[in-house]
């Protein structure tokens, strides 16, 4: 069966994004169904798989990361309003295998990719 995981890298400080809140949604038509929420651990990773086994299904998903709250907690002075408040990654899952979605982020930019 497949598995979905994520982690955050804080590119401003050059370290894992420990303590960043996130929420995973499945998109069903116009609705968003919350599947999981949590906080990254000391390695910047979700504490376990976000989806696995029978919960891993083909479809459209969103991961929402609370970027501004994280950087404020790190002591970074952000403008009001912050340039990046939440980062929403929308992606599709279609294959029955491990999919890893990392977020590399600073207060003013981010990147992601499909990992394995």
C-alpha atoms as a PDB file:
ATOM      1  CA  UNK A   1       0.000   0.000   0.000  1.00  0.00           C
ATOM      2  CA  UNK A   2       0.966   3.622  -0.407  1.00  0.00           C
ATOM      3  CA  UNK A   3       2.118   6.148   2.134  1.00  0.00           C
ATOM      4  CA  UNK A   4       2.219   9.958   2.264  1.00  0.00           C
ATOM      5  CA  UNK A   5       4.774  11.850   4.367  1.00  0.00           C
ATOM      6  CA  UNK A   6       6.083  15.414   4.675  1.00  0.00           C
ATOM      7  CA  UNK A   7       8.828  17.465   6.241  1.00  0.00           C
ATOM      8  CA  UNK A   8       9.794  21.139   6.486  1.00  0.00           C
ATOM      9  CA  UNK A   9      13.203  22.746   6.033  1.00  0.00           C
ATOM     10  CA  UNK A  10      13.694  26.281   7.362  1.00  0.00           C
ATOM     11  CA  UNK A  11      15.962  27.832   4.710  1.00  0.00           C
ATOM     12  CA  UNK A  12      16.328  31.097   6.659  1.00  0.00           C
ATOM     13  CA  UNK A  13      18.110  29.386   9.530  1.00  0.00           C
ATOM     14  CA  UNK A  14      19.444  26.357   7.652  1.00  0.00           C
ATOM     15  CA  UNK A  15      17.760  23.783   9.876  1.00  0.00           C
ATOM     16  CA  UNK A  16      14.695  21.540  10.109  1.00  0.00           C
ATOM     17  CA  UNK A  17      11.399  23.400  10.534  1.00  0.00           C
ATOM     18  CA  UNK A  18      10.613  21.942  13.971  1.00  0.00           C
ATOM     19  CA  UNK A  19       7.282  22.960  15.488  1.00  0.00           C
ATOM     20  CA  UNK A  20       5.461  24.017  12.311  1.00  0.00           C
ATOM     21  CA  UNK A  21       1.720  23.307  12.375  1.00  0.00           C
ATOM     22  CA  UNK A  22       0.154  21.664   9.314  1.00  0.00           C
ATOM     23  CA  UNK A  23      -3.201  20.309   8.163  1.00  0.00           C
ATOM     24  CA  UNK A  24      -3.919  17.720   5.464  1.00  0.00           C
ATOM     25  CA  UNK A  25      -7.151  17.911   3.461  1.00  0.00           C
ATOM     26  CA  UNK A  26      -8.667  15.674   0.798  1.00  0.00           C
ATOM     27  CA  UNK A  27     -10.448  17.630  -1.921  1.00  0.00           C
ATOM     28  CA  UNK A  28     -13.850  16.201  -2.791  1.00  0.00           C
ATOM     29  CA  UNK A  29     -15.462  18.361  -5.459  1.00  0.00           C
ATOM     30  CA  UNK A  30     -15.696  21.837  -3.950  1.00  0.00           C
ATOM     31  CA  UNK A  31     -15.328  20.538  -0.379  1.00  0.00           C
ATOM     32  CA  UNK A  32     -12.191  20.114   1.726  1.00  0.00           C
ATOM     33  CA  UNK A  33     -12.251  17.228   4.185  1.00  0.00           C
ATOM     34  CA  UNK A  34      -9.733  17.443   7.028  1.00  0.00           C
ATOM     35  CA  UNK A  35      -7.805  14.180   7.351  1.00  0.00           C
ATOM     36  CA  UNK A  36      -4.951  15.041   9.688  1.00  0.00           C
ATOM     37  CA  UNK A  37      -3.297  17.880  11.530  1.00  0.00           C
ATOM     38  CA  UNK A  38      -0.211  18.135  13.620  1.00  0.00           C
ATOM     39  CA  UNK A  39       3.152  19.708  14.234  1.00  0.00           C
ATOM     40  CA  UNK A  40       6.536  18.806  12.829  1.00  0.00           C
ATOM     41  CA  UNK A  41       9.001  17.124  15.190  1.00  0.00           C
ATOM     42  CA  UNK A  42      12.615  18.121  15.954  1.00  0.00           C
ATOM     43  CA  UNK A  43      13.684  16.809  12.521  1.00  0.00           C
ATOM     44  CA  UNK A  44      11.030  18.951  10.817  1.00  0.00           C
ATOM     45  CA  UNK A  45       9.026  15.844   9.895  1.00  0.00           C
ATOM     46  CA  UNK A  46       5.425  14.922  10.504  1.00  0.00           C
ATOM     47  CA  UNK A  47       5.553  12.486  13.422  1.00  0.00           C
ATOM     48  CA  UNK A  48       4.300   9.644  11.217  1.00  0.00           C
ATOM     49  CA  UNK A  49       2.747   8.939   7.833  1.00  0.00           C
ATOM     50  CA  UNK A  50      -0.112  11.295   6.962  1.00  0.00           C
ATOM     51  CA  UNK A  51      -1.786   8.587   4.893  1.00  0.00           C
ATOM     52  CA  UNK A  52      -1.083   4.890   4.682  1.00  0.00           C
ATOM     53  CA  UNK A  53      -2.784   1.569   4.141  1.00  0.00           C
ATOM     54  CA  UNK A  54      -6.459   1.870   3.238  1.00  0.00           C
ATOM     55  CA  UNK A  55      -6.325   5.619   3.951  1.00  0.00           C
ATOM     56  CA  UNK A  56      -4.006   6.141   0.977  1.00  0.00           C
ATOM     57  CA  UNK A  57      -6.355   6.756  -1.945  1.00  0.00           C
ATOM     58  CA  UNK A  58      -5.917   8.317  -5.364  1.00  0.00           C
ATOM     59  CA  UNK A  59      -7.267  11.845  -5.453  1.00  0.00           C
ATOM     60  CA  UNK A  60      -6.567  15.509  -4.867  1.00  0.00           C
ATOM     61  CA  UNK A  61      -5.115  16.769  -1.587  1.00  0.00           C
ATOM     62  CA  UNK A  62      -3.878  19.916   0.124  1.00  0.00           C
ATOM     63  CA  UNK A  63      -1.247  20.362   2.794  1.00  0.00           C
ATOM     64  CA  UNK A  64      -1.516  23.716   4.597  1.00  0.00           C
ATOM     65  CA  UNK A  65       1.495  24.910   6.611  1.00  0.00           C
ATOM     66  CA  UNK A  66       1.322  27.722   9.204  1.00  0.00           C
ATOM     67  CA  UNK A  67       4.440  29.547   8.035  1.00  0.00           C
ATOM     68  CA  UNK A  68       4.043  32.999   9.643  1.00  0.00           C
ATOM     69  CA  UNK A  69       3.228  31.548  13.075  1.00  0.00           C
ATOM     70  CA  UNK A  70       6.312  29.332  12.835  1.00  0.00           C
ATOM     71  CA  UNK A  71       8.680  32.194  11.934  1.00  0.00           C
ATOM     72  CA  UNK A  72       7.219  34.474  14.606  1.00  0.00           C
ATOM     73  CA  UNK A  73       7.839  31.713  17.165  1.00  0.00           C
ATOM     74  CA  UNK A  74      11.460  31.620  15.910  1.00  0.00           C
ATOM     75  CA  UNK A  75      11.809  35.330  16.725  1.00  0.00           C
ATOM     76  CA  UNK A  76      11.718  36.528  13.114  1.00  0.00           C
ATOM     77  CA  UNK A  77      10.221  40.017  12.728  1.00  0.00           C
ATOM     78  CA  UNK A  78       7.614  39.765   9.975  1.00  0.00           C
ATOM     79  CA  UNK A  79       5.743  42.569   8.225  1.00  0.00           C
ATOM     80  CA  UNK A  80       2.066  43.041   9.002  1.00  0.00           C
ATOM     81  CA  UNK A  81       0.517  41.387   7.154  1.00  0.00           C
ATOM     82  CA  UNK A  82       3.202  38.769   6.517  1.00  0.00           C
ATOM     83  CA  UNK A  83       4.122  38.009   2.919  1.00  0.00           C
ATOM     84  CA  UNK A  84       3.552  34.283   3.565  1.00  0.00           C
ATOM     85  CA  UNK A  85       0.982  33.503   6.237  1.00  0.00           C
ATOM     86  CA  UNK A  86      -0.063  29.998   5.215  1.00  0.00           C
ATOM     87  CA  UNK A  87       1.489  27.941   2.441  1.00  0.00           C
ATOM     88  CA  UNK A  88      -1.000  25.654   0.723  1.00  0.00           C
ATOM     89  CA  UNK A  89       0.373  22.846  -1.430  1.00  0.00           C
ATOM     90  CA  UNK A  90      -2.225  21.289  -3.727  1.00  0.00           C
ATOM     91  CA  UNK A  91      -1.250  17.959  -5.255  1.00  0.00           C
ATOM     92  CA  UNK A  92      -2.638  14.730  -6.636  1.00  0.00           C
ATOM     93  CA  UNK A  93      -1.970  11.148  -5.631  1.00  0.00           C
ATOM     94  CA  UNK A  94      -2.552   8.464  -8.183  1.00  0.00           C
ATOM     95  CA  UNK A  95       0.004   5.771  -7.577  1.00  0.00           C
ATOM     96  CA  UNK A  96       0.048   3.135  -4.894  1.00  0.00           C
ATOM     97  CA  UNK A  97       3.484   3.867  -3.407  1.00  0.00           C
ATOM     98  CA  UNK A  98       5.310   6.225  -1.057  1.00  0.00           C
ATOM     99  CA  UNK A  99       4.937   9.914  -1.857  1.00  0.00           C
ATOM    100  CA  UNK A 100       6.944  12.464   0.120  1.00  0.00           C
ATOM    101  CA  UNK A 101       6.040  16.188  -0.031  1.00  0.00           C
ATOM    102  CA  UNK A 102       8.769  18.409   1.443  1.00  0.00           C
ATOM    103  CA  UNK A 103       8.469  22.155   2.015  1.00  0.00           C
ATOM    104  CA  UNK A 104      11.590  24.345   1.908  1.00  0.00           C
ATOM    105  CA  UNK A 105      10.545  27.726   3.268  1.00  0.00           C
ATOM    106  CA  UNK A 106      11.599  31.211   4.361  1.00  0.00           C
ATOM    107  CA  UNK A 107       9.357  34.163   5.279  1.00  0.00           C
ATOM    108  CA  UNK A 108       9.444  35.345   1.652  1.00  0.00           C
ATOM    109  CA  UNK A 109       9.548  32.218  -0.504  1.00  0.00           C
ATOM    110  CA  UNK A 110       9.135  28.479  -0.685  1.00  0.00           C
ATOM    111  CA  UNK A 111       9.642  25.496  -2.929  1.00  0.00           C
ATOM    112  CA  UNK A 112       8.425  21.923  -2.941  1.00  0.00           C
ATOM    113  CA  UNK A 113       8.828  18.783  -5.017  1.00  0.00           C
ATOM    114  CA  UNK A 114       7.602  15.210  -5.197  1.00  0.00           C
ATOM    115  CA  UNK A 115       9.965  13.077  -3.208  1.00  0.00           C
ATOM    116  CA  UNK A 116       9.912   9.347  -2.758  1.00  0.00           C
END
